[in-house]
Amino acid sequence: MKSITLKEQAYEHIKHKLKMCVYMPGDAVGEPEIMEETGIGRTPVREALLALKEEGLIEIRPRKGTFASPITEQQINEIYQIRSLLEPVTAVRYKQRFDKSVLLDYDSLFEHLDIEDDEKYFDLDMKFHQAIIGITDNPTLTEFYEKVMFCQYRIGIYNSVRGMAGKENYYPEHHDIICALLDEDDKRIEEACKRHIGRSHIVSLKALKDFPL
């Protein structure tokens, strides 16, 4: 089994804090703080920050410091455009590949989930939507979508921190998608996916507008 390097440890630590908005968009990300939290030295921490900068999650501003990248209206629109283009089409085209017992398991998990636990809430949401794309068995597409959904996760956490995640619709909307997939009903699958993605898009734009960064 491959051992995890210090850089990888620092990378995962910082990335998780970015994902969970412990570092809110625009917040300073201090090397000394990370070193103290992780017990990892300056060089691996700096290398991890540079890797996250390459992914667009960190901004390094000369003579000012290191900051969590902002969430912008353009980013939100792009993420939801990608989702609205890919998820409904994929779900319809590959509807017969979905394991019905797995779909029922998802439905039960959504129904009984503690929606007050943000991490469990968004972990399950991301897993389900990535599974829709994963049904294609296309590793390149799956890897691309994981990056898209990381950004979506961060947007969702930001909405929740601002009290605007719209969690009351969480189970009914996923239930509609799952039931449509179980029935292999093309029209309902497309409508349920688009309705869910569209509502989330509006919530995300409203959260950003009401609490600008």
Protein backbone atom coordinates (compact mmCIF):
# COMPACT_ATOMS: atom_id res chain seq x y z
CA MET A 1 0.00 0.00 0.00
CA LYS A 2 1.36 3.40 -1.02
CA SER A 3 2.19 5.68 1.91
CA ILE A 4 0.76 9.19 1.88
CA THR A 5 3.38 11.92 1.60
CA LEU A 6 3.42 14.96 3.87
CA LYS A 7 2.43 17.12 0.92
CA GLU A 8 -0.58 14.87 0.24
CA GLN A 9 -1.57 15.00 3.92
CA ALA A 10 -1.40 18.79 3.92
CA TYR A 11 -3.26 18.93 0.60
CA GLU A 12 -6.16 16.80 1.88
CA HIS A 13 -6.34 18.77 5.12
CA ILE A 14 -6.55 22.14 3.37
CA LYS A 15 -8.87 20.89 0.62
CA HIS A 16 -11.33 19.54 3.18
CA LYS A 17 -11.39 22.89 4.98
CA LEU A 18 -12.01 24.64 1.67
CA LYS A 19 -14.79 22.19 0.79
CA MET A 20 -16.52 22.63 4.13
CA CYS A 21 -16.11 26.42 4.04
CA VAL A 22 -14.05 26.40 7.23
CA TYR A 23 -12.10 28.71 4.98
CA MET A 24 -14.92 30.80 3.60
CA PRO A 25 -14.44 32.13 0.06
CA GLY A 26 -12.00 35.02 0.27
CA ASP A 27 -10.64 34.05 3.70
CA ALA A 28 -6.91 34.14 4.35
CA VAL A 29 -5.24 30.71 4.45
CA GLY A 30 -2.24 30.93 6.75
CA GLU A 31 0.73 28.57 6.49
CA PRO A 32 1.56 28.81 10.24
CA GLU A 33 -1.99 27.81 11.16
CA ILE A 34 -1.90 24.77 8.87
CA MET A 35 1.52 23.76 10.16
CA GLU A 36 0.25 23.93 13.74
CA GLU A 37 -2.93 21.97 12.95
CA THR A 38 -1.18 19.20 11.04
CA GLY A 39 2.32 19.10 12.51
CA ILE A 40 3.62 19.27 8.93
CA GLY A 41 6.55 21.48 7.95
CA ARG A 42 6.49 24.61 5.80
CA THR A 43 7.75 23.06 2.54
CA PRO A 44 5.06 20.34 2.20
CA VAL A 45 2.38 22.86 3.22
CA ARG A 46 3.58 25.34 0.63
CA GLU A 47 3.67 22.62 -2.04
CA ALA A 48 0.10 21.64 -1.14
CA LEU A 49 -1.04 25.24 -1.46
CA LEU A 50 0.60 25.53 -4.87
CA ALA A 51 -1.19 22.35 -6.00
CA LEU A 52 -4.52 23.79 -4.83
CA LYS A 53 -3.72 27.03 -6.63
CA GLU A 54 -3.33 25.04 -9.86
CA GLU A 55 -6.83 23.63 -9.26
CA GLY A 56 -8.25 27.12 -8.84
CA LEU A 57 -9.13 26.62 -5.17
CA ILE A 58 -6.46 28.93 -3.75
CA GLU A 59 -5.33 32.41 -4.76
CA ILE A 60 -1.79 33.55 -3.96
CA ARG A 61 -1.60 37.35 -4.12
CA PRO A 62 1.90 38.87 -4.12
CA ARG A 63 2.64 40.87 -0.96
CA LYS A 64 -0.87 40.15 0.35
CA GLY A 65 -1.00 36.45 1.16
CA THR A 66 -2.87 33.25 0.36
CA PHE A 67 -6.67 33.16 0.16
CA ALA A 68 -9.53 30.75 -0.48
CA SER A 69 -10.81 31.36 -3.99
CA PRO A 70 -14.11 33.22 -4.20
CA ILE A 71 -17.37 31.73 -5.40
CA THR A 72 -18.58 33.84 -8.31
CA GLU A 73 -21.83 34.15 -10.22
CA GLN A 74 -20.02 32.98 -13.35
CA GLN A 75 -18.73 29.86 -11.58
CA ILE A 76 -22.21 29.04 -10.28
CA ASN A 77 -23.76 29.46 -13.73
CA GLU A 78 -21.07 27.32 -15.35
CA ILE A 79 -21.41 24.50 -12.80
CA TYR A 80 -25.18 24.34 -13.20
CA GLN A 81 -24.96 24.59 -16.97
CA ILE A 82 -22.69 21.55 -17.01
CA ARG A 83 -25.00 19.64 -14.68
CA SER A 84 -28.16 20.51 -16.63
CA LEU A 85 -26.50 19.41 -19.87
CA LEU A 86 -25.08 16.12 -18.60
CA GLU A 87 -27.24 14.64 -15.84
CA PRO A 88 -30.70 14.51 -17.51
CA VAL A 89 -29.30 13.17 -20.79
CA THR A 90 -27.12 10.57 -19.06
CA ALA A 91 -29.88 9.42 -16.73
CA VAL A 92 -32.28 8.94 -19.67
CA ARG A 93 -29.80 7.30 -22.02
CA TYR A 94 -28.43 4.84 -19.45
CA LYS A 95 -31.62 4.30 -17.42
CA GLN A 96 -31.56 0.52 -17.90
CA ARG A 97 -28.08 0.24 -16.41
CA PHE A 98 -29.17 1.46 -12.96
CA ASP A 99 -29.42 -1.29 -10.36
CA LYS A 100 -32.94 -0.96 -8.94
CA SER A 101 -31.93 -2.27 -5.51
CA VAL A 102 -29.18 0.38 -5.34
CA LEU A 103 -31.70 3.07 -6.29
CA LEU A 104 -34.03 1.89 -3.51
CA ASP A 105 -31.11 2.01 -1.07
CA TYR A 106 -30.43 5.60 -2.09
CA ASP A 107 -34.09 6.46 -1.61
CA SER A 108 -34.03 5.06 1.93
CA LEU A 109 -30.82 6.93 2.74
CA PHE A 110 -32.28 10.20 1.48
CA GLU A 111 -35.50 9.66 3.43
CA HIS A 112 -33.81 8.97 6.76
CA LEU A 113 -30.84 11.31 6.50
CA ASP A 114 -30.26 13.86 9.25
CA ILE A 115 -30.35 16.99 7.11
CA GLU A 116 -28.80 19.03 9.91
CA ASP A 117 -25.49 17.23 9.39
CA ASP A 118 -24.07 19.19 6.46
CA GLU A 119 -21.23 16.80 5.72
CA LYS A 120 -23.42 13.68 5.60
CA TYR A 121 -26.08 15.64 3.70
CA PHE A 122 -23.77 16.79 0.92
CA ASP A 123 -21.69 13.59 0.88
CA LEU A 124 -24.81 11.60 -0.01
CA ASP A 125 -25.98 14.20 -2.52
CA MET A 126 -22.63 14.24 -4.32
CA LYS A 127 -22.37 10.45 -4.29
CA PHE A 128 -25.79 10.08 -5.92
CA HIS A 129 -25.19 12.64 -8.65
CA GLN A 130 -21.73 11.30 -9.40
CA ALA A 131 -23.28 7.83 -9.66
CA ILE A 132 -25.55 9.11 -12.44
CA ILE A 133 -22.50 10.11 -14.47
CA GLY A 134 -20.52 7.07 -13.31
CA ILE A 135 -23.11 4.77 -14.90
CA THR A 136 -21.50 5.60 -18.26
CA ASP A 137 -18.32 3.67 -17.31
CA ASN A 138 -16.35 6.53 -18.85
CA PRO A 139 -13.31 7.21 -16.59
CA THR A 140 -12.46 10.52 -18.28
CA LEU A 141 -16.00 11.83 -17.83
CA THR A 142 -16.19 10.51 -14.28
CA GLU A 143 -12.92 12.22 -13.31
CA PHE A 144 -14.10 15.49 -14.87
CA TYR A 145 -17.41 15.27 -13.01
CA GLU A 146 -15.72 14.69 -9.67
CA LYS A 147 -14.07 18.11 -10.08
CA VAL A 148 -17.37 19.68 -11.05
CA MET A 149 -19.09 18.20 -8.02
CA PHE A 150 -16.32 19.33 -5.67
CA CYS A 151 -17.14 22.90 -6.70
CA GLN A 152 -20.85 22.08 -6.32
CA TYR A 153 -20.20 20.72 -2.81
CA ARG A 154 -18.46 23.95 -1.80
CA ILE A 155 -21.32 26.03 -3.23
CA GLY A 156 -23.82 23.88 -1.32
CA ILE A 157 -21.95 24.28 1.96
CA TYR A 158 -21.78 28.02 1.40
CA ASN A 159 -25.56 28.08 0.86
CA SER A 160 -26.04 26.10 4.07
CA VAL A 161 -23.74 28.34 6.12
CA ARG A 162 -25.84 31.28 4.91
CA GLY A 163 -29.03 29.43 5.90
CA MET A 164 -30.26 29.08 2.32
CA ALA A 165 -29.66 25.44 1.34
CA GLY A 166 -33.35 24.66 0.79
CA LYS A 167 -33.04 21.33 2.54
CA GLU A 168 -36.81 20.91 2.88
CA ASN A 169 -36.87 19.87 -0.80
CA TYR A 170 -34.00 17.43 -0.43
CA TYR A 171 -35.90 14.15 -0.12
CA PRO A 172 -38.89 14.86 -2.42
CA GLU A 173 -36.68 15.97 -5.32
CA HIS A 174 -34.31 13.00 -5.11
CA HIS A 175 -37.28 10.68 -4.58
CA ASP A 176 -38.82 11.95 -7.83
CA ILE A 177 -35.59 11.27 -9.75
CA ILE A 178 -35.26 7.79 -8.26
CA CYS A 179 -38.91 6.85 -8.92
CA ALA A 180 -38.59 8.01 -12.53
CA LEU A 181 -35.44 5.91 -12.94
CA LEU A 182 -37.14 2.90 -11.38
CA ASP A 183 -40.01 3.26 -13.87
CA GLU A 184 -37.57 3.96 -16.72
CA ASP A 185 -39.79 6.88 -17.75
CA ASP A 186 -37.74 9.15 -20.03
CA LYS A 187 -39.90 12.25 -19.70
CA ARG A 188 -40.15 12.05 -15.89
CA ILE A 189 -36.43 11.38 -15.53
CA GLU A 190 -35.55 14.45 -17.57
CA GLU A 191 -38.11 16.67 -15.84
CA ALA A 192 -37.13 15.53 -12.33
CA CYS A 193 -33.40 16.06 -12.97
CA LYS A 194 -33.92 19.48 -14.52
CA ARG A 195 -36.31 20.57 -11.76
CA HIS A 196 -33.85 19.57 -9.03
CA ILE A 197 -30.83 21.15 -10.71
CA GLY A 198 -32.78 24.31 -11.62
CA ARG A 199 -34.03 24.87 -8.08
CA SER A 200 -30.56 24.42 -6.66
CA HIS A 201 -29.19 26.88 -9.23
CA ILE A 202 -31.66 29.56 -8.14
CA VAL A 203 -30.90 28.97 -4.45
CA SER A 204 -27.15 29.29 -5.10
CA LEU A 205 -27.50 32.54 -7.02
CA LYS A 206 -29.77 33.96 -4.34
CA ALA A 207 -27.33 33.03 -1.55
CA LEU A 208 -24.52 34.80 -3.39
CA LYS A 209 -26.66 37.84 -4.11
CA ASP A 210 -27.94 38.14 -0.54
CA PHE A 211 -24.50 37.53 0.98
CA PRO A 212 -22.00 38.90 -1.57
CA LEU A 213 -18.36 37.98 -1.12
